[in-house]
Amino acid sequence: SVTGDVVYDGAASILVGGVLALRQDVLKQVLAYSTISQYGYVVMLYGIGGTAGNSAAAFYVLVHGIAKSALFMTAGAVTMATGEDRLSRLGGLARRMPVLAVAAGVAAATLAALPVTLGFFKDELLFTAALDAGPVTTALAVVAAALTFAYIGRFWLRLFLGPARAQQSGISWLLVAPVVVLAAVAVAGRLVVAPFSDLAAAAGAVSSGRPVVLSPAYHLDARAENVLAL
């Protein structure tokens, strides 16, 4: 079916973009290929369709925008401070840029959908929609989430941990502050998710042609989407 084709097109984008992101050395190329992968999620969710898929896709776009903006600005700030733009030539920056390391870590955790961030809810909605679409789509969603964790974890770990490989000049707060602000939004969103879910629900209602109620939340039980997230 056309809808099934869209789901598989999205899954192909997730896999190809994710694998390429894992193979890149230049900071912004890692993030660029990861964006191809992340928007494969959105395509897959629109392929799933219905109120669950459409509203989850809109929520995904919002959260991805927050996290990826912070990560691209992190790459720019690091390059300005060190003169280097390759993971293989960088490392150990957490000791010299602790504030940027923490803020970028929050952004990475948001993209990877860890529970301390707004990003956790995007994968809750992804898994809920995928479960409704069947076991194949559910398996693809789990693989996609694991791949995201792998490439964004590689980006942050190789940038901020390990031995220092590059000289660093001073870094302006004008470069760090926007990353901190976006990280704060991602953390605050885990506690006050309504502004984001309401906007995503409104977008989902337009796509679905009927009202949508979107209520992401922490559920401390063994429901399927929680198990998949683990």
N, C-alpha and C. Protein backbone atom coordinates (compact mmCIF):
# COMPACT_ATOMS: atom_id res chain seq x y z
N SER A 1 0.84 -1.19 0.00
CA SER A 1 0.00 0.00 0.00
C SER A 1 0.88 1.24 0.00
N VAL A 2 0.24 2.40 -0.33
CA VAL A 2 0.98 3.66 -0.33
C VAL A 2 1.48 3.99 1.06
N THR A 3 0.60 3.79 2.07
CA THR A 3 0.99 4.08 3.44
C THR A 3 2.16 3.20 3.88
N GLY A 4 2.09 1.91 3.54
CA GLY A 4 3.19 1.01 3.87
C GLY A 4 4.48 1.42 3.21
N ASP A 5 4.40 1.88 1.96
CA ASP A 5 5.60 2.34 1.26
C ASP A 5 6.21 3.54 1.97
N VAL A 6 5.39 4.44 2.47
CA VAL A 6 5.90 5.61 3.18
C VAL A 6 6.60 5.19 4.47
N VAL A 7 6.03 4.23 5.19
CA VAL A 7 6.66 3.72 6.41
C VAL A 7 8.04 3.17 6.09
N TYR A 8 8.14 2.37 5.04
CA TYR A 8 9.42 1.74 4.71
C TYR A 8 10.41 2.76 4.14
N ASP A 9 9.92 3.76 3.42
CA ASP A 9 10.80 4.84 2.96
C ASP A 9 11.40 5.57 4.16
N GLY A 10 10.56 5.85 5.16
CA GLY A 10 11.05 6.50 6.37
C GLY A 10 12.06 5.64 7.09
N ALA A 11 11.79 4.34 7.19
CA ALA A 11 12.72 3.43 7.85
C ALA A 11 14.05 3.37 7.12
N ALA A 12 14.00 3.39 5.77
CA ALA A 12 15.25 3.38 4.99
C ALA A 12 16.07 4.63 5.26
N SER A 13 15.40 5.77 5.36
CA SER A 13 16.09 7.03 5.67
C SER A 13 16.73 6.96 7.06
N ILE A 14 16.00 6.40 8.02
CA ILE A 14 16.54 6.25 9.38
C ILE A 14 17.82 5.42 9.35
N LEU A 15 17.77 4.29 8.67
CA LEU A 15 18.91 3.37 8.66
C LEU A 15 20.10 3.94 7.90
N VAL A 16 19.85 4.46 6.70
CA VAL A 16 20.95 4.99 5.88
C VAL A 16 21.58 6.20 6.55
N GLY A 17 20.75 7.15 7.00
CA GLY A 17 21.28 8.34 7.66
C GLY A 17 22.01 7.99 8.94
N GLY A 18 21.47 7.04 9.71
CA GLY A 18 22.09 6.66 10.97
C GLY A 18 23.43 5.98 10.78
N VAL A 19 23.51 5.06 9.82
CA VAL A 19 24.78 4.37 9.56
C VAL A 19 25.83 5.36 9.06
N LEU A 20 25.44 6.26 8.19
CA LEU A 20 26.38 7.27 7.69
C LEU A 20 26.82 8.21 8.80
N ALA A 21 25.91 8.55 9.71
CA ALA A 21 26.28 9.41 10.84
C ALA A 21 27.34 8.73 11.70
N LEU A 22 27.24 7.43 11.86
CA LEU A 22 28.22 6.68 12.66
C LEU A 22 29.60 6.65 12.00
N ARG A 23 29.66 6.88 10.68
CA ARG A 23 30.91 6.77 9.94
C ARG A 23 31.60 8.12 9.73
N GLN A 24 30.93 9.23 10.10
CA GLN A 24 31.50 10.55 9.82
C GLN A 24 32.47 10.98 10.90
N ASP A 25 33.41 11.86 10.50
CA ASP A 25 34.40 12.40 11.41
C ASP A 25 34.18 13.91 11.63
N VAL A 26 33.75 14.61 10.59
CA VAL A 26 33.50 16.06 10.70
C VAL A 26 32.23 16.27 11.54
N LEU A 27 32.31 17.16 12.51
CA LEU A 27 31.21 17.35 13.47
C LEU A 27 29.88 17.61 12.78
N LYS A 28 29.86 18.60 11.90
CA LYS A 28 28.58 18.98 11.29
C LYS A 28 28.07 17.93 10.31
N GLN A 29 28.97 17.11 9.78
CA GLN A 29 28.51 16.02 8.92
C GLN A 29 27.84 14.92 9.75
N VAL A 30 28.37 14.66 10.94
CA VAL A 30 27.69 13.72 11.85
C VAL A 30 26.26 14.19 12.10
N LEU A 31 26.13 15.47 12.42
CA LEU A 31 24.81 16.01 12.74
C LEU A 31 23.91 16.09 11.51
N ALA A 32 24.50 16.39 10.34
CA ALA A 32 23.70 16.47 9.12
C ALA A 32 23.11 15.10 8.75
N TYR A 33 23.95 14.06 8.80
CA TYR A 33 23.43 12.73 8.50
C TYR A 33 22.45 12.26 9.56
N SER A 34 22.68 12.68 10.80
CA SER A 34 21.73 12.31 11.85
C SER A 34 20.38 12.97 11.61
N THR A 35 20.39 14.16 11.00
CA THR A 35 19.13 14.83 10.68
C THR A 35 18.37 14.06 9.60
N ILE A 36 19.10 13.54 8.61
CA ILE A 36 18.45 12.68 7.61
C ILE A 36 17.78 11.50 8.30
N SER A 37 18.50 10.91 9.25
CA SER A 37 17.95 9.77 9.98
C SER A 37 16.73 10.18 10.81
N GLN A 38 16.85 11.31 11.52
CA GLN A 38 15.75 11.73 12.39
C GLN A 38 14.49 12.08 11.61
N TYR A 39 14.65 12.69 10.45
CA TYR A 39 13.45 13.00 9.68
C TYR A 39 12.86 11.77 9.00
N GLY A 40 13.66 10.70 8.95
CA GLY A 40 13.06 9.43 8.57
C GLY A 40 12.00 8.99 9.57
N TYR A 41 12.23 9.29 10.86
CA TYR A 41 11.21 9.04 11.88
C TYR A 41 9.90 9.73 11.51
N VAL A 42 10.02 11.00 11.12
CA VAL A 42 8.83 11.79 10.83
C VAL A 42 8.09 11.22 9.64
N VAL A 43 8.85 10.84 8.60
CA VAL A 43 8.22 10.23 7.42
C VAL A 43 7.53 8.93 7.81
N MET A 44 8.20 8.11 8.62
CA MET A 44 7.61 6.84 9.06
C MET A 44 6.32 7.07 9.84
N LEU A 45 6.33 8.08 10.71
CA LEU A 45 5.13 8.36 11.51
C LEU A 45 3.98 8.85 10.65
N TYR A 46 4.28 9.68 9.66
CA TYR A 46 3.20 10.09 8.74
C TYR A 46 2.72 8.92 7.90
N GLY A 47 3.61 7.98 7.64
CA GLY A 47 3.17 6.77 6.95
C GLY A 47 2.24 5.93 7.81
N ILE A 48 2.53 5.86 9.12
CA ILE A 48 1.62 5.18 10.04
C ILE A 48 0.27 5.88 10.04
N GLY A 49 0.32 7.22 10.07
CA GLY A 49 -0.89 8.03 9.93
C GLY A 49 -1.82 7.95 11.13
N GLY A 50 -3.05 8.38 10.92
CA GLY A 50 -4.02 8.44 12.01
C GLY A 50 -3.65 9.53 12.99
N THR A 51 -4.45 9.69 14.02
CA THR A 51 -4.17 10.72 15.00
C THR A 51 -2.87 10.44 15.76
N ALA A 52 -2.59 9.16 16.02
CA ALA A 52 -1.38 8.82 16.78
C ALA A 52 -0.12 9.13 15.97
N GLY A 53 -0.08 8.70 14.72
CA GLY A 53 1.10 8.92 13.89
C GLY A 53 1.31 10.38 13.55
N ASN A 54 0.24 11.08 13.17
CA ASN A 54 0.37 12.47 12.75
C ASN A 54 0.78 13.39 13.90
N SER A 55 0.19 13.20 15.06
CA SER A 55 0.54 14.06 16.20
C SER A 55 1.93 13.72 16.72
N ALA A 56 2.32 12.43 16.69
CA ALA A 56 3.67 12.04 17.10
C ALA A 56 4.71 12.65 16.17
N ALA A 57 4.41 12.70 14.87
CA ALA A 57 5.34 13.31 13.91
C ALA A 57 5.55 14.78 14.22
N ALA A 58 4.46 15.49 14.51
CA ALA A 58 4.56 16.91 14.83
C ALA A 58 5.36 17.13 16.11
N PHE A 59 5.12 16.31 17.12
CA PHE A 59 5.87 16.41 18.37
C PHE A 59 7.35 16.14 18.13
N TYR A 60 7.62 15.16 17.28
CA TYR A 60 9.00 14.81 16.96
C TYR A 60 9.74 15.99 16.33
N VAL A 61 9.07 16.69 15.43
CA VAL A 61 9.69 17.85 14.77
C VAL A 61 10.05 18.92 15.81
N LEU A 62 9.16 19.18 16.75
CA LEU A 62 9.42 20.19 17.78
C LEU A 62 10.64 19.82 18.62
N VAL A 63 10.67 18.59 19.11
CA VAL A 63 11.75 18.18 20.01
C VAL A 63 13.07 18.09 19.25
N HIS A 64 13.03 17.57 18.04
CA HIS A 64 14.24 17.49 17.24
C HIS A 64 14.82 18.88 16.98
N GLY A 65 13.96 19.85 16.71
CA GLY A 65 14.44 21.21 16.46
C GLY A 65 15.19 21.78 17.65
N ILE A 66 14.67 21.54 18.85
CA ILE A 66 15.33 22.04 20.07
C ILE A 66 16.70 21.37 20.25
N ALA A 67 16.72 20.05 20.17
CA ALA A 67 17.96 19.31 20.43
C ALA A 67 19.00 19.55 19.35
N LYS A 68 18.60 19.47 18.10
CA LYS A 68 19.58 19.56 17.02
C LYS A 68 20.13 20.97 16.87
N SER A 69 19.32 21.99 17.14
CA SER A 69 19.83 23.36 17.12
C SER A 69 20.95 23.52 18.14
N ALA A 70 20.74 22.98 19.34
CA ALA A 70 21.76 23.06 20.38
C ALA A 70 23.03 22.32 19.98
N LEU A 71 22.88 21.18 19.32
CA LEU A 71 24.05 20.39 18.94
C LEU A 71 24.83 21.03 17.80
N PHE A 72 24.14 21.63 16.83
CA PHE A 72 24.84 22.33 15.77
C PHE A 72 25.59 23.54 16.33
N MET A 73 24.98 24.26 17.27
CA MET A 73 25.68 25.38 17.89
C MET A 73 26.86 24.91 18.74
N THR A 74 26.73 23.73 19.34
CA THR A 74 27.85 23.14 20.05
C THR A 74 29.02 22.89 19.10
N ALA A 75 28.73 22.31 17.95
CA ALA A 75 29.79 22.05 16.96
C ALA A 75 30.47 23.35 16.55
N GLY A 76 29.68 24.40 16.33
CA GLY A 76 30.26 25.67 15.95
C GLY A 76 31.12 26.27 17.05
N ALA A 77 30.64 26.18 18.29
CA ALA A 77 31.39 26.73 19.42
C ALA A 77 32.71 26.00 19.60
N VAL A 78 32.70 24.68 19.48
CA VAL A 78 33.92 23.89 19.62
C VAL A 78 34.92 24.24 18.52
N THR A 79 34.44 24.36 17.31
CA THR A 79 35.33 24.70 16.20
C THR A 79 35.94 26.09 16.37
N MET A 80 35.13 27.03 16.84
CA MET A 80 35.65 28.38 17.08
C MET A 80 36.72 28.37 18.18
N ALA A 81 36.53 27.56 19.20
CA ALA A 81 37.44 27.55 20.35
C ALA A 81 38.72 26.76 20.08
N THR A 82 38.66 25.75 19.22
CA THR A 82 39.81 24.86 19.02
C THR A 82 40.43 24.95 17.63
N GLY A 83 39.66 25.46 16.66
CA GLY A 83 40.14 25.46 15.29
C GLY A 83 40.02 24.10 14.61
N GLU A 84 39.41 23.13 15.29
CA GLU A 84 39.25 21.78 14.76
C GLU A 84 37.77 21.46 14.58
N ASP A 85 37.47 20.63 13.59
CA ASP A 85 36.07 20.26 13.36
C ASP A 85 35.90 18.76 13.15
N ARG A 86 36.88 17.97 13.61
CA ARG A 86 36.82 16.51 13.43
C ARG A 86 36.88 15.81 14.79
N LEU A 87 36.04 14.81 14.94
CA LEU A 87 36.03 14.05 16.19
C LEU A 87 37.39 13.43 16.49
N SER A 88 38.07 12.98 15.44
CA SER A 88 39.36 12.31 15.64
C SER A 88 40.43 13.26 16.15
N ARG A 89 40.22 14.56 16.04
CA ARG A 89 41.20 15.54 16.48
C ARG A 89 40.76 16.25 17.76
N LEU A 90 39.65 15.83 18.31
CA LEU A 90 39.10 16.48 19.50
C LEU A 90 38.93 15.44 20.61
N GLY A 91 38.59 15.92 21.79
CA GLY A 91 38.37 15.03 22.93
C GLY A 91 38.73 15.74 24.22
N GLY A 92 38.20 15.24 25.32
CA GLY A 92 38.53 15.78 26.63
C GLY A 92 38.06 17.20 26.88
N LEU A 93 37.11 17.69 26.10
CA LEU A 93 36.71 19.09 26.22
C LEU A 93 35.85 19.37 27.45
N ALA A 94 35.33 18.34 28.08
CA ALA A 94 34.51 18.56 29.29
C ALA A 94 35.31 19.23 30.39
N ARG A 95 36.61 18.94 30.46
CA ARG A 95 37.43 19.54 31.51
C ARG A 95 37.63 21.03 31.29
N ARG A 96 37.63 21.44 30.03
CA ARG A 96 37.88 22.85 29.73
C ARG A 96 36.62 23.62 29.37
N MET A 97 35.58 22.92 29.01
CA MET A 97 34.30 23.54 28.65
C MET A 97 33.17 22.84 29.41
N PRO A 98 33.18 22.86 30.73
CA PRO A 98 32.20 22.06 31.49
C PRO A 98 30.75 22.49 31.25
N VAL A 99 30.52 23.78 31.14
CA VAL A 99 29.14 24.25 30.94
C VAL A 99 28.62 23.80 29.57
N LEU A 100 29.44 23.96 28.55
CA LEU A 100 29.04 23.52 27.21
C LEU A 100 28.86 22.00 27.19
N ALA A 101 29.72 21.28 27.89
CA ALA A 101 29.61 19.82 27.92
C ALA A 101 28.29 19.37 28.52
N VAL A 102 27.88 20.00 29.63
CA VAL A 102 26.63 19.64 30.27
C VAL A 102 25.44 20.00 29.38
N ALA A 103 25.45 21.20 28.82
CA ALA A 103 24.33 21.64 27.98
C ALA A 103 24.22 20.77 26.73
N ALA A 104 25.37 20.48 26.11
CA ALA A 104 25.35 19.60 24.94
C ALA A 104 24.94 18.18 25.32
N GLY A 105 25.31 17.75 26.52
CA GLY A 105 24.89 16.44 27.00
C GLY A 105 23.38 16.34 27.15
N VAL A 106 22.76 17.41 27.63
CA VAL A 106 21.30 17.45 27.74
C VAL A 106 20.68 17.38 26.35
N ALA A 107 21.25 18.13 25.40
CA ALA A 107 20.72 18.10 24.04
C ALA A 107 20.85 16.71 23.42
N ALA A 108 22.00 16.07 23.65
CA ALA A 108 22.20 14.71 23.14
C ALA A 108 21.22 13.74 23.80
N ALA A 109 21.01 13.89 25.11
CA ALA A 109 20.06 13.04 25.82
C ALA A 109 18.64 13.26 25.31
N THR A 110 18.34 14.49 24.94
CA THR A 110 17.01 14.79 24.38
C THR A 110 16.81 14.08 23.06
N LEU A 111 17.83 14.11 22.21
CA LEU A 111 17.73 13.42 20.92
C LEU A 111 17.64 11.91 21.13
N ALA A 112 18.38 11.41 22.13
CA ALA A 112 18.37 9.97 22.41
C ALA A 112 17.17 9.53 23.23
N ALA A 113 16.30 10.47 23.61
CA ALA A 113 15.04 10.17 24.31
C ALA A 113 15.25 9.63 25.72
N LEU A 114 16.22 10.17 26.43
CA LEU A 114 16.41 9.74 27.81
C LEU A 114 15.36 10.37 28.73
N PRO A 115 15.00 9.71 29.83
CA PRO A 115 13.86 10.14 30.65
C PRO A 115 14.00 11.51 31.29
N VAL A 116 15.21 12.02 31.47
CA VAL A 116 15.36 13.32 32.14
C VAL A 116 15.04 14.49 31.23
N THR A 117 14.62 14.24 30.01
CA THR A 117 14.41 15.30 29.03
C THR A 117 13.05 15.21 28.36
N LEU A 118 12.73 16.29 27.65
CA LEU A 118 11.52 16.32 26.82
C LEU A 118 11.54 15.23 25.76
N GLY A 119 12.75 14.85 25.34
CA GLY A 119 12.87 13.85 24.28
C GLY A 119 12.28 12.50 24.62
N PHE A 120 12.18 12.18 25.91
CA PHE A 120 11.61 10.89 26.29
C PHE A 120 10.21 10.71 25.71
N PHE A 121 9.45 11.80 25.69
CA PHE A 121 8.06 11.70 25.25
C PHE A 121 7.95 11.48 23.74
N LYS A 122 8.94 11.94 22.98
CA LYS A 122 8.86 11.73 21.53
C LYS A 122 8.95 10.25 21.20
N ASP A 123 9.78 9.50 21.96
CA ASP A 123 9.85 8.07 21.71
C ASP A 123 8.67 7.32 22.30
N GLU A 124 8.11 7.84 23.40
CA GLU A 124 6.87 7.24 23.91
C GLU A 124 5.79 7.29 22.84
N LEU A 125 5.65 8.45 22.20
CA LEU A 125 4.64 8.61 21.15
C LEU A 125 4.98 7.79 19.92
N LEU A 126 6.28 7.72 19.58
CA LEU A 126 6.71 6.89 18.45
C LEU A 126 6.34 5.44 18.68
N PHE A 127 6.67 4.90 19.85
CA PHE A 127 6.40 3.49 20.12
C PHE A 127 4.90 3.21 20.19
N THR A 128 4.14 4.16 20.74
CA THR A 128 2.69 3.97 20.80
C THR A 128 2.10 3.86 19.40
N ALA A 129 2.53 4.76 18.50
CA ALA A 129 2.04 4.72 17.12
C ALA A 129 2.52 3.46 16.41
N ALA A 130 3.78 3.07 16.64
CA ALA A 130 4.33 1.89 15.97
C ALA A 130 3.62 0.61 16.42
N LEU A 131 3.31 0.53 17.71
CA LEU A 131 2.61 -0.65 18.22
C LEU A 131 1.26 -0.82 17.54
N ASP A 132 0.58 0.30 17.29
CA ASP A 132 -0.71 0.23 16.61
C ASP A 132 -0.56 -0.22 15.15
N ALA A 133 0.64 0.01 14.58
CA ALA A 133 0.86 -0.31 13.17
C ALA A 133 1.31 -1.74 12.93
N GLY A 134 1.68 -2.45 14.01
CA GLY A 134 2.04 -3.85 13.84
C GLY A 134 3.47 -4.16 14.23
N PRO A 135 3.83 -5.44 14.29
CA PRO A 135 5.13 -5.87 14.81
C PRO A 135 6.32 -5.45 13.95
N VAL A 136 6.17 -5.40 12.63
CA VAL A 136 7.29 -5.01 11.77
C VAL A 136 7.65 -3.55 12.00
N THR A 137 6.64 -2.70 12.03
CA THR A 137 6.88 -1.28 12.28
C THR A 137 7.43 -1.06 13.69
N THR A 138 6.95 -1.84 14.65
CA THR A 138 7.46 -1.73 16.01
C THR A 138 8.94 -2.10 16.07
N ALA A 139 9.33 -3.16 15.38
CA ALA A 139 10.74 -3.57 15.35
C ALA A 139 11.60 -2.49 14.70
N LEU A 140 11.10 -1.89 13.64
CA LEU A 140 11.83 -0.81 12.97
C LEU A 140 12.02 0.37 13.91
N ALA A 141 10.99 0.67 14.70
CA ALA A 141 11.07 1.80 15.64
C ALA A 141 12.13 1.55 16.70
N VAL A 142 12.22 0.32 17.19
CA VAL A 142 13.23 -0.01 18.21
C VAL A 142 14.64 0.10 17.63
N VAL A 143 14.83 -0.41 16.42
CA VAL A 143 16.13 -0.32 15.76
C VAL A 143 16.51 1.15 15.55
N ALA A 144 15.53 1.95 15.14
CA ALA A 144 15.78 3.37 14.91
C ALA A 144 16.22 4.08 16.18
N ALA A 145 15.54 3.79 17.28
CA ALA A 145 15.88 4.41 18.56
C ALA A 145 17.28 4.00 19.02
N ALA A 146 17.62 2.72 18.85
CA ALA A 146 18.95 2.24 19.24
C ALA A 146 20.03 2.90 18.40
N LEU A 147 19.76 3.08 17.12
CA LEU A 147 20.72 3.71 16.22
C LEU A 147 20.95 5.17 16.62
N THR A 148 19.88 5.85 16.97
CA THR A 148 20.01 7.24 17.43
C THR A 148 20.89 7.31 18.67
N PHE A 149 20.65 6.43 19.62
CA PHE A 149 21.45 6.39 20.84
C PHE A 149 22.93 6.19 20.50
N ALA A 150 23.21 5.34 19.51
CA ALA A 150 24.59 5.03 19.14
C ALA A 150 25.30 6.23 18.53
N TYR A 151 24.70 6.86 17.53
CA TYR A 151 25.46 7.92 16.86
C TYR A 151 25.53 9.21 17.66
N ILE A 152 24.50 9.53 18.44
CA ILE A 152 24.60 10.76 19.22
C ILE A 152 25.46 10.53 20.46
N GLY A 153 25.47 9.30 20.98
CA GLY A 153 26.38 8.98 22.07
C GLY A 153 27.83 9.06 21.63
N ARG A 154 28.13 8.53 20.45
CA ARG A 154 29.48 8.63 19.89
C ARG A 154 29.88 10.08 19.73
N PHE A 155 29.01 10.94 19.25
CA PHE A 155 29.31 12.35 19.05
C PHE A 155 29.71 13.01 20.36
N TRP A 156 28.88 12.84 21.39
CA TRP A 156 29.15 13.54 22.66
C TRP A 156 30.35 12.95 23.38
N LEU A 157 30.45 11.63 23.43
CA LEU A 157 31.54 10.99 24.18
C LEU A 157 32.90 11.31 23.58
N ARG A 158 33.00 11.26 22.27
CA ARG A 158 34.29 11.51 21.63
C ARG A 158 34.67 12.99 21.67
N LEU A 159 33.67 13.84 21.78
CA LEU A 159 33.94 15.28 21.84
C LEU A 159 34.38 15.72 23.23
N PHE A 160 33.72 15.23 24.25
CA PHE A 160 33.92 15.78 25.59
C PHE A 160 34.69 14.88 26.55
N LEU A 161 34.79 13.59 26.31
CA LEU A 161 35.53 12.70 27.19
C LEU A 161 36.81 12.22 26.52
N GLY A 162 37.58 11.44 27.24
CA GLY A 162 38.82 10.92 26.68
C GLY A 162 39.95 11.94 26.75
N PRO A 163 41.08 11.60 26.13
CA PRO A 163 42.24 12.51 26.16
C PRO A 163 42.02 13.76 25.31
N ALA A 164 42.58 14.88 25.74
CA ALA A 164 42.51 16.12 24.97
C ALA A 164 43.45 16.03 23.78
N ARG A 165 42.97 16.41 22.62
CA ARG A 165 43.79 16.31 21.40
C ARG A 165 44.00 17.66 20.72
N ALA A 166 43.33 18.70 21.17
CA ALA A 166 43.43 19.98 20.47
C ALA A 166 43.66 21.10 21.48
N GLN A 167 44.39 22.12 21.04
CA GLN A 167 44.56 23.31 21.85
C GLN A 167 43.26 24.11 21.86
N GLN A 168 43.00 24.82 22.94
CA GLN A 168 41.76 25.58 23.05
C GLN A 168 42.05 27.01 23.42
N SER A 169 41.42 27.92 22.70
CA SER A 169 41.46 29.33 23.09
C SER A 169 40.22 29.61 23.95
N GLY A 170 40.06 30.84 24.39
CA GLY A 170 38.88 31.18 25.16
C GLY A 170 37.61 31.04 24.34
N ILE A 171 36.52 30.72 25.01
CA ILE A 171 35.24 30.57 24.32
C ILE A 171 34.26 31.60 24.86
N SER A 172 33.61 32.31 23.97
CA SER A 172 32.70 33.38 24.36
C SER A 172 31.40 32.81 24.92
N TRP A 173 30.87 33.48 25.94
CA TRP A 173 29.57 33.10 26.48
C TRP A 173 28.46 33.28 25.44
N LEU A 174 28.70 34.14 24.46
CA LEU A 174 27.71 34.33 23.41
C LEU A 174 27.53 33.06 22.58
N LEU A 175 28.56 32.21 22.57
CA LEU A 175 28.45 30.94 21.86
C LEU A 175 27.84 29.85 22.74
N VAL A 176 28.08 29.94 24.02
CA VAL A 176 27.62 28.90 24.95
C VAL A 176 26.17 29.13 25.40
N ALA A 177 25.82 30.40 25.61
CA ALA A 177 24.51 30.72 26.19
C ALA A 177 23.33 30.14 25.41
N PRO A 178 23.29 30.22 24.06
CA PRO A 178 22.13 29.64 23.36
C PRO A 178 21.98 28.14 23.58
N VAL A 179 23.11 27.44 23.69
CA VAL A 179 23.05 26.00 23.94
C VAL A 179 22.48 25.73 25.32
N VAL A 180 22.88 26.54 26.30
CA VAL A 180 22.38 26.42 27.67
C VAL A 180 20.87 26.67 27.71
N VAL A 181 20.42 27.71 26.99
CA VAL A 181 18.99 28.04 26.97
C VAL A 181 18.18 26.88 26.39
N LEU A 182 18.62 26.33 25.27
CA LEU A 182 17.90 25.22 24.65
C LEU A 182 17.91 23.98 25.54
N ALA A 183 19.03 23.74 26.21
CA ALA A 183 19.09 22.61 27.15
C ALA A 183 18.10 22.81 28.29
N ALA A 184 18.00 24.05 28.77
CA ALA A 184 17.04 24.35 29.84
C ALA A 184 15.61 24.10 29.37
N VAL A 185 15.32 24.46 28.12
CA VAL A 185 13.98 24.20 27.57
C VAL A 185 13.71 22.70 27.53
N ALA A 186 14.72 21.92 27.13
CA ALA A 186 14.54 20.47 27.04
C ALA A 186 14.30 19.84 28.41
N VAL A 187 14.96 20.36 29.43
CA VAL A 187 14.77 19.83 30.78
C VAL A 187 13.43 20.30 31.35
N ALA A 188 13.10 21.57 31.16
CA ALA A 188 11.83 22.09 31.66
C ALA A 188 10.65 21.36 30.99
N GLY A 189 10.84 20.99 29.72
CA GLY A 189 9.76 20.33 28.99
C GLY A 189 9.39 18.97 29.55
N ARG A 190 10.32 18.34 30.27
CA ARG A 190 9.97 17.04 30.87
C ARG A 190 8.99 17.22 32.02
N LEU A 191 8.96 18.42 32.60
CA LEU A 191 8.05 18.70 33.72
C LEU A 191 6.77 19.40 33.25
N VAL A 192 6.91 20.26 32.26
CA VAL A 192 5.76 21.01 31.72
C VAL A 192 5.68 20.72 30.23
N VAL A 193 5.08 19.61 29.89
CA VAL A 193 5.07 19.16 28.50
C VAL A 193 3.88 19.71 27.72
N ALA A 194 2.87 20.26 28.42
CA ALA A 194 1.63 20.68 27.77
C ALA A 194 1.82 21.67 26.62
N PRO A 195 2.68 22.70 26.74
CA PRO A 195 2.82 23.62 25.60
C PRO A 195 3.29 22.92 24.32
N PHE A 196 4.13 21.93 24.46
CA PHE A 196 4.64 21.20 23.31
C PHE A 196 3.60 20.21 22.78
N SER A 197 2.96 19.49 23.68
CA SER A 197 1.97 18.50 23.25
C SER A 197 0.73 19.18 22.66
N ASP A 198 0.35 20.33 23.20
CA ASP A 198 -0.81 21.04 22.65
C ASP A 198 -0.54 21.51 21.22
N LEU A 199 0.68 22.02 20.98
CA LEU A 199 1.03 22.47 19.64
C LEU A 199 1.09 21.29 18.67
N ALA A 200 1.66 20.17 19.12
CA ALA A 200 1.72 18.98 18.28
C ALA A 200 0.32 18.42 18.01
N ALA A 201 -0.55 18.47 19.03
CA ALA A 201 -1.93 17.99 18.85
C ALA A 201 -2.66 18.84 17.83
N ALA A 202 -2.44 20.16 17.85
CA ALA A 202 -3.08 21.04 16.89
C ALA A 202 -2.61 20.72 15.47
N ALA A 203 -1.31 20.47 15.31
CA ALA A 203 -0.79 20.10 14.00
C ALA A 203 -1.33 18.74 13.57
N GLY A 204 -1.39 17.80 14.51
CA GLY A 204 -1.93 16.48 14.20
C GLY A 204 -3.40 16.53 13.80
N ALA A 205 -4.15 17.44 14.42
CA ALA A 205 -5.57 17.58 14.07
C ALA A 205 -5.74 18.09 12.64
N VAL A 206 -4.85 18.99 12.22
CA VAL A 206 -4.90 19.48 10.84
C VAL A 206 -4.61 18.35 9.87
N SER A 207 -3.59 17.55 10.16
CA SER A 207 -3.23 16.43 9.28
C SER A 207 -4.29 15.34 9.26
N SER A 208 -4.92 15.11 10.41
CA SER A 208 -5.89 14.01 10.53
C SER A 208 -7.30 14.42 10.14
N GLY A 209 -7.57 15.71 10.17
CA GLY A 209 -8.92 16.18 9.86
C GLY A 209 -9.91 15.95 10.97
N ARG A 210 -9.41 15.73 12.18
CA ARG A 210 -10.30 15.56 13.33
C ARG A 210 -9.53 15.91 14.60
N PRO A 211 -10.23 16.21 15.69
CA PRO A 211 -9.55 16.62 16.92
C PRO A 211 -8.60 15.54 17.44
N VAL A 212 -7.52 16.00 18.06
CA VAL A 212 -6.52 15.11 18.62
C VAL A 212 -6.28 15.49 20.07
N VAL A 213 -6.23 14.50 20.94
CA VAL A 213 -5.83 14.70 22.33
C VAL A 213 -4.50 14.01 22.52
N LEU A 214 -3.50 14.78 22.93
CA LEU A 214 -2.16 14.25 23.10
C LEU A 214 -1.72 14.48 24.54
N SER A 215 -1.47 13.41 25.27
CA SER A 215 -1.14 13.53 26.69
C SER A 215 0.06 12.68 27.06
N PRO A 216 1.25 13.04 26.57
CA PRO A 216 2.45 12.28 26.96
C PRO A 216 2.74 12.46 28.44
N ALA A 217 3.22 11.41 29.07
CA ALA A 217 3.49 11.47 30.51
C ALA A 217 4.37 10.30 30.90
N TYR A 218 4.97 10.40 32.09
CA TYR A 218 5.73 9.27 32.62
C TYR A 218 4.74 8.25 33.19
N HIS A 219 4.87 7.01 32.74
CA HIS A 219 4.02 5.94 33.23
C HIS A 219 4.91 4.90 33.89
N LEU A 220 4.82 4.80 35.19
CA LEU A 220 5.68 3.89 35.94
C LEU A 220 5.07 2.50 35.99
N ASP A 221 5.03 1.87 34.85
CA ASP A 221 4.48 0.51 34.76
C ASP A 221 5.14 -0.21 33.58
N ALA A 222 4.68 -1.40 33.31
CA ALA A 222 5.31 -2.23 32.28
C ALA A 222 4.52 -2.21 30.98
N ARG A 223 3.86 -1.09 30.68
CA ARG A 223 3.17 -1.01 29.40
C ARG A 223 4.18 -1.13 28.27
N ALA A 224 3.71 -1.54 27.11
CA ALA A 224 4.60 -1.93 26.01
C ALA A 224 5.56 -0.81 25.60
N GLU A 225 5.07 0.41 25.49
CA GLU A 225 5.95 1.50 25.06
C GLU A 225 7.08 1.76 26.04
N ASN A 226 6.84 1.54 27.35
CA ASN A 226 7.90 1.66 28.33
C ASN A 226 8.96 0.57 28.16
N VAL A 227 8.51 -0.64 27.92
CA VAL A 227 9.43 -1.75 27.71
C VAL A 227 10.28 -1.50 26.47
N LEU A 228 9.65 -1.01 25.41
CA LEU A 228 10.38 -0.71 24.18
C LEU A 228 11.41 0.40 24.41
N ALA A 229 11.04 1.39 25.20
CA ALA A 229 11.98 2.48 25.50
C ALA A 229 13.21 1.95 26.23
N LEU A 230 13.00 1.04 27.16
CA LEU A 230 14.12 0.43 27.87
C LEU A 230 15.01 -0.38 26.92
